N, C-alpha and C. Protein backbone atom coordinates (compact mmCIF):
# COMPACT_ATOMS: atom_id res chain seq x y z
N UNK A 1 219.01 13.86 -49.63
CA UNK A 1 218.70 14.49 -48.11
C UNK A 1 220.30 13.79 -47.31
N UNK A 2 220.39 13.24 -46.66
CA UNK A 2 220.72 12.81 -45.91
C UNK A 2 220.60 12.48 -44.56
N UNK A 3 221.19 11.91 -43.83
CA UNK A 3 219.81 11.60 -42.74
C UNK A 3 219.57 12.14 -40.98
N UNK A 4 220.88 13.11 -40.77
CA UNK A 4 220.87 14.04 -40.14
C UNK A 4 220.02 15.53 -40.76
N UNK A 5 220.08 15.09 -42.47
CA UNK A 5 218.59 16.09 -42.55
C UNK A 5 217.89 15.81 -42.42
N UNK A 6 217.45 14.37 -42.53
CA UNK A 6 215.58 13.76 -42.65
C UNK A 6 214.87 13.97 -40.69
N UNK A 7 216.58 14.26 -40.42
CA UNK A 7 216.36 14.15 -38.51
C UNK A 7 215.60 15.10 -38.34
N UNK A 8 216.96 16.03 -38.94
CA UNK A 8 216.20 17.03 -38.92
C UNK A 8 215.32 18.17 -38.70
N UNK A 9 214.36 17.63 -40.40
CA UNK A 9 213.22 18.08 -40.60
C UNK A 9 212.40 17.51 -39.71
N UNK A 10 212.60 16.00 -38.94
CA UNK A 10 211.84 15.63 -38.67
C UNK A 10 211.17 16.32 -36.80
N UNK A 11 212.66 16.69 -36.74
CA UNK A 11 212.46 17.00 -35.65
C UNK A 11 211.67 18.53 -35.42
N UNK A 12 212.52 19.07 -36.52
CA UNK A 12 211.47 21.13 -36.25
C UNK A 12 210.15 20.63 -36.69
N UNK A 13 209.29 19.12 -37.51
CA UNK A 13 208.11 19.09 -38.20
C UNK A 13 207.15 18.81 -36.30
N UNK A 14 208.38 18.45 -35.79
CA UNK A 14 207.39 18.21 -34.68
C UNK A 14 207.52 18.92 -33.65
N UNK A 15 208.66 19.83 -33.74
CA UNK A 15 208.22 20.97 -32.78
C UNK A 15 207.26 22.08 -33.09
N UNK A 16 207.45 21.78 -34.32
CA UNK A 16 205.95 23.08 -35.42
C UNK A 16 205.12 22.50 -34.92
N UNK A 17 204.54 21.60 -34.52
CA UNK A 17 203.01 20.83 -34.39
C UNK A 17 203.37 20.62 -32.92
N UNK A 18 204.11 20.73 -32.01
CA UNK A 18 203.85 20.72 -30.53
C UNK A 18 203.67 22.35 -30.73
N UNK A 19 204.54 23.18 -30.82
CA UNK A 19 203.97 24.30 -30.25
C UNK A 19 201.97 25.04 -31.76
N UNK A 20 202.25 24.28 -32.35
CA UNK A 20 200.92 25.10 -32.76
C UNK A 20 200.01 24.42 -32.47
N UNK A 21 200.32 22.86 -31.43
CA UNK A 21 199.20 22.46 -30.01
C UNK A 21 198.58 22.96 -29.25
N UNK A 22 200.18 23.67 -28.36
CA UNK A 22 199.82 24.71 -27.55
C UNK A 22 199.37 25.76 -27.62
N UNK A 23 199.55 26.03 -28.65
CA UNK A 23 199.17 27.93 -29.10
C UNK A 23 197.71 27.05 -29.03
N UNK A 24 196.72 26.41 -29.85
CA UNK A 24 195.81 26.25 -29.58
C UNK A 24 195.23 25.76 -28.55
N UNK A 25 195.80 24.55 -27.85
CA UNK A 25 195.00 25.05 -25.93
C UNK A 25 195.27 25.90 -25.65
N UNK A 26 196.11 26.90 -25.83
CA UNK A 26 195.91 28.27 -25.09
C UNK A 26 194.95 29.77 -25.32
N UNK A 27 194.60 28.99 -26.75
CA UNK A 27 193.36 29.84 -27.56
C UNK A 27 192.08 29.17 -26.62
N UNK A 28 191.71 27.62 -26.58
CA UNK A 28 190.66 27.56 -26.02
C UNK A 28 190.53 27.66 -24.64
N UNK A 29 191.71 27.51 -23.74
CA UNK A 29 191.67 27.74 -22.63
C UNK A 29 191.36 29.75 -22.60
N UNK A 30 191.78 31.31 -23.23
CA UNK A 30 191.65 31.49 -23.22
C UNK A 30 189.45 32.04 -24.00
N UNK A 31 189.20 31.52 -24.60
CA UNK A 31 188.40 31.36 -25.40
C UNK A 31 187.35 30.49 -23.82
N UNK A 32 186.91 29.99 -23.76
CA UNK A 32 186.58 30.12 -22.55
C UNK A 32 186.09 30.57 -21.24
N UNK A 33 186.69 31.27 -21.31
CA UNK A 33 187.25 32.42 -20.61
C UNK A 33 186.49 33.42 -20.71
N UNK A 34 186.39 33.92 -22.05
CA UNK A 34 185.40 35.23 -22.71
C UNK A 34 184.75 34.85 -22.87
N UNK A 35 183.89 33.22 -22.86
CA UNK A 35 182.66 32.50 -22.66
C UNK A 35 182.13 32.74 -21.41
N UNK A 36 183.12 32.77 -20.48
CA UNK A 36 182.66 32.55 -19.03
C UNK A 36 182.81 34.26 -19.00
N UNK A 37 182.79 35.07 -19.26
CA UNK A 37 183.37 36.19 -18.70
C UNK A 37 181.80 37.57 -20.24
N UNK A 38 181.40 36.68 -21.33
CA UNK A 38 180.49 36.60 -22.30
C UNK A 38 178.85 36.47 -20.93
N UNK A 39 178.59 35.13 -20.16
CA UNK A 39 177.69 34.94 -19.41
C UNK A 39 177.86 35.83 -18.58
N UNK A 40 179.04 35.82 -17.46
CA UNK A 40 178.43 36.57 -16.68
C UNK A 40 177.79 38.03 -16.81
N UNK A 41 178.11 38.70 -18.06
CA UNK A 41 177.96 39.31 -18.00
C UNK A 41 176.66 39.29 -18.85
N UNK A 42 176.10 39.23 -19.24
CA UNK A 42 174.38 38.70 -19.86
C UNK A 42 173.94 38.38 -18.67
N UNK A 43 174.06 37.20 -17.61
CA UNK A 43 173.44 36.84 -16.43
C UNK A 43 172.45 38.60 -15.60
N UNK A 44 174.05 39.00 -15.60
CA UNK A 44 174.75 41.03 -14.81
C UNK A 44 172.89 42.30 -14.98
N UNK A 45 172.86 41.79 -16.59
CA UNK A 45 171.99 43.17 -17.78
C UNK A 45 171.44 42.23 -17.14
N UNK A 46 170.56 40.59 -17.32
CA UNK A 46 169.34 39.90 -17.19
C UNK A 46 169.24 40.87 -15.99
N UNK A 47 170.02 40.87 -14.99
CA UNK A 47 169.16 40.28 -13.15
C UNK A 47 168.77 41.93 -13.07
N UNK A 48 169.30 42.91 -13.86
CA UNK A 48 168.93 44.41 -13.75
C UNK A 48 167.93 44.97 -14.97
N UNK A 49 168.06 43.90 -15.67
CA UNK A 49 166.99 44.30 -16.52
C UNK A 49 165.41 44.00 -15.62
N UNK A 50 165.30 42.70 -15.06
CA UNK A 50 164.20 41.76 -14.63
C UNK A 50 163.72 42.68 -13.53
N UNK A 51 164.57 43.10 -12.78
CA UNK A 51 164.42 44.63 -11.83
C UNK A 51 164.10 45.27 -12.46
N UNK A 52 164.37 46.20 -13.11
CA UNK A 52 163.94 47.60 -14.26
C UNK A 52 162.46 47.08 -14.65
N UNK A 53 162.06 46.21 -14.54
CA UNK A 53 161.02 45.65 -15.05
C UNK A 53 159.53 45.38 -13.85
N UNK A 54 160.35 45.08 -13.01
CA UNK A 54 159.51 45.00 -12.01
C UNK A 54 158.97 46.06 -11.44
N UNK A 55 160.05 47.17 -11.46
CA UNK A 55 159.80 48.46 -11.11
C UNK A 55 159.15 49.48 -12.23
N UNK A 56 158.64 49.32 -12.60
CA UNK A 56 158.23 50.12 -13.83
C UNK A 56 157.22 49.47 -14.45
N UNK A 57 155.56 50.04 -13.81
CA UNK A 57 154.63 49.06 -14.11
C UNK A 57 154.29 48.87 -15.85
N UNK A 58 154.72 50.12 -16.26
CA UNK A 58 154.34 50.10 -17.91
C UNK A 58 155.31 49.11 -18.75
N UNK A 59 156.44 49.29 -18.25
CA UNK A 59 157.59 47.17 -18.41
C UNK A 59 156.98 46.29 -17.98
N UNK A 60 156.65 46.57 -17.01
CA UNK A 60 155.20 44.89 -16.31
C UNK A 60 154.52 44.86 -17.31
N UNK A 61 153.69 45.44 -17.63
CA UNK A 61 152.36 45.35 -18.20
C UNK A 61 152.70 44.15 -19.56
N UNK A 62 151.72 42.70 -19.55
CA UNK A 62 151.82 42.25 -20.65
C UNK A 62 153.22 40.88 -20.07
N UNK A 63 154.24 41.55 -18.84
CA UNK A 63 154.93 40.38 -18.25
C UNK A 63 154.56 40.05 -16.98
N UNK A 64 153.38 39.54 -16.84
CA UNK A 64 153.22 39.70 -15.30
C UNK A 64 153.53 38.25 -14.69
N UNK A 65 153.40 37.08 -15.97
CA UNK A 65 153.31 35.62 -15.91
C UNK A 65 154.94 35.17 -15.44
N UNK A 66 156.09 36.04 -16.58
CA UNK A 66 157.22 35.54 -16.49
C UNK A 66 157.68 36.05 -15.45
N UNK A 67 157.36 37.33 -14.78
CA UNK A 67 157.57 37.76 -12.87
C UNK A 67 157.23 36.72 -12.01
N UNK A 68 156.27 35.82 -12.26
CA UNK A 68 155.38 35.31 -10.83
C UNK A 68 156.67 33.70 -11.57
N UNK A 69 156.82 32.95 -12.78
CA UNK A 69 157.12 32.78 -12.88
C UNK A 69 159.06 33.03 -11.75
N UNK A 70 159.21 33.54 -12.90
CA UNK A 70 161.08 34.28 -11.78
C UNK A 70 160.91 34.01 -11.03
N UNK A 71 159.75 35.30 -10.00
CA UNK A 71 159.53 34.78 -9.20
C UNK A 71 159.60 33.08 -7.91
N UNK A 72 159.23 32.76 -8.59
CA UNK A 72 158.90 31.33 -8.28
C UNK A 72 160.16 30.77 -8.21
N UNK A 73 160.62 30.43 -9.08
CA UNK A 73 162.58 30.29 -9.69
C UNK A 73 163.44 30.68 -8.59
N UNK A 74 163.46 32.20 -8.18
CA UNK A 74 164.27 32.83 -7.40
C UNK A 74 163.81 32.13 -5.75
N UNK A 75 162.25 31.94 -5.61
CA UNK A 75 162.11 31.29 -4.27
C UNK A 75 162.00 29.79 -4.55
N UNK A 76 162.08 29.18 -5.23
CA UNK A 76 162.98 27.56 -5.17
C UNK A 76 164.67 27.32 -4.73
N UNK A 77 164.87 28.08 -5.66
CA UNK A 77 166.27 29.04 -5.10
C UNK A 77 166.62 29.29 -3.97
N UNK A 78 165.64 29.52 -3.05
CA UNK A 78 166.71 30.39 -2.08
C UNK A 78 166.62 28.96 -1.07
N UNK A 79 164.98 28.31 -1.11
CA UNK A 79 165.23 27.17 -0.22
C UNK A 79 165.62 26.17 -0.38
N UNK A 80 166.15 25.69 -1.68
CA UNK A 80 167.47 25.05 -1.50
C UNK A 80 168.90 24.98 -1.33
N UNK A 81 168.96 26.25 -1.34
CA UNK A 81 169.99 26.55 -0.30
C UNK A 81 169.87 26.84 0.89
N UNK A 82 168.79 27.24 1.05
CA UNK A 82 169.10 26.88 3.04
C UNK A 82 168.51 25.20 3.89
N UNK A 83 168.91 24.71 2.39
CA UNK A 83 168.62 23.67 3.43
C UNK A 83 169.56 22.69 2.78
N UNK A 84 170.40 23.18 1.96
CA UNK A 84 171.91 23.22 1.85
C UNK A 84 172.77 23.15 3.44
N UNK A 85 172.43 24.93 3.63
CA UNK A 85 172.76 24.88 4.62
C UNK A 85 173.17 24.81 5.84
N UNK A 86 171.16 24.43 6.33
CA UNK A 86 170.95 23.16 7.65
C UNK A 86 171.35 22.02 7.20
N UNK A 87 171.68 21.31 5.65
CA UNK A 87 172.71 20.62 5.90
C UNK A 87 173.76 20.18 6.27
N UNK A 88 174.68 21.04 5.95
CA UNK A 88 175.77 21.02 5.96
C UNK A 88 175.95 21.79 7.38
N UNK A 89 175.25 22.62 8.28
CA UNK A 89 175.59 23.32 10.25
C UNK A 89 175.34 22.02 10.60
N UNK A 90 174.74 20.96 10.46
CA UNK A 90 173.98 19.99 10.97
C UNK A 90 175.92 18.85 11.03
C-alpha cells in the first residue's frame, strides 16, 4: 500500500469510529428519554393505585400504615412547596 492508501484507510477508520460514537450518543439520549417516560408512567400508575386503595376498604385493609406514611410525605411535600412559594413572594 502506498502513502495515499494508508491515509485513506486512516480517514475511513476515523470516520467510521466517529459515526459509531454519534450513533452511541444518540442511543444513550434515546435510552434516557425512554427511561424518563417509563418512570413517568410508573409514577402515574402508582398514584392511581394509591387512590384506588384509599377508596376501597378491602384494598386498604392491612395497608393503613403505608397510606398514613404516604399522607405524611404528601403533607411534607405541600409544606415545602408552600414555603418555597412564600420565599419567592418576598
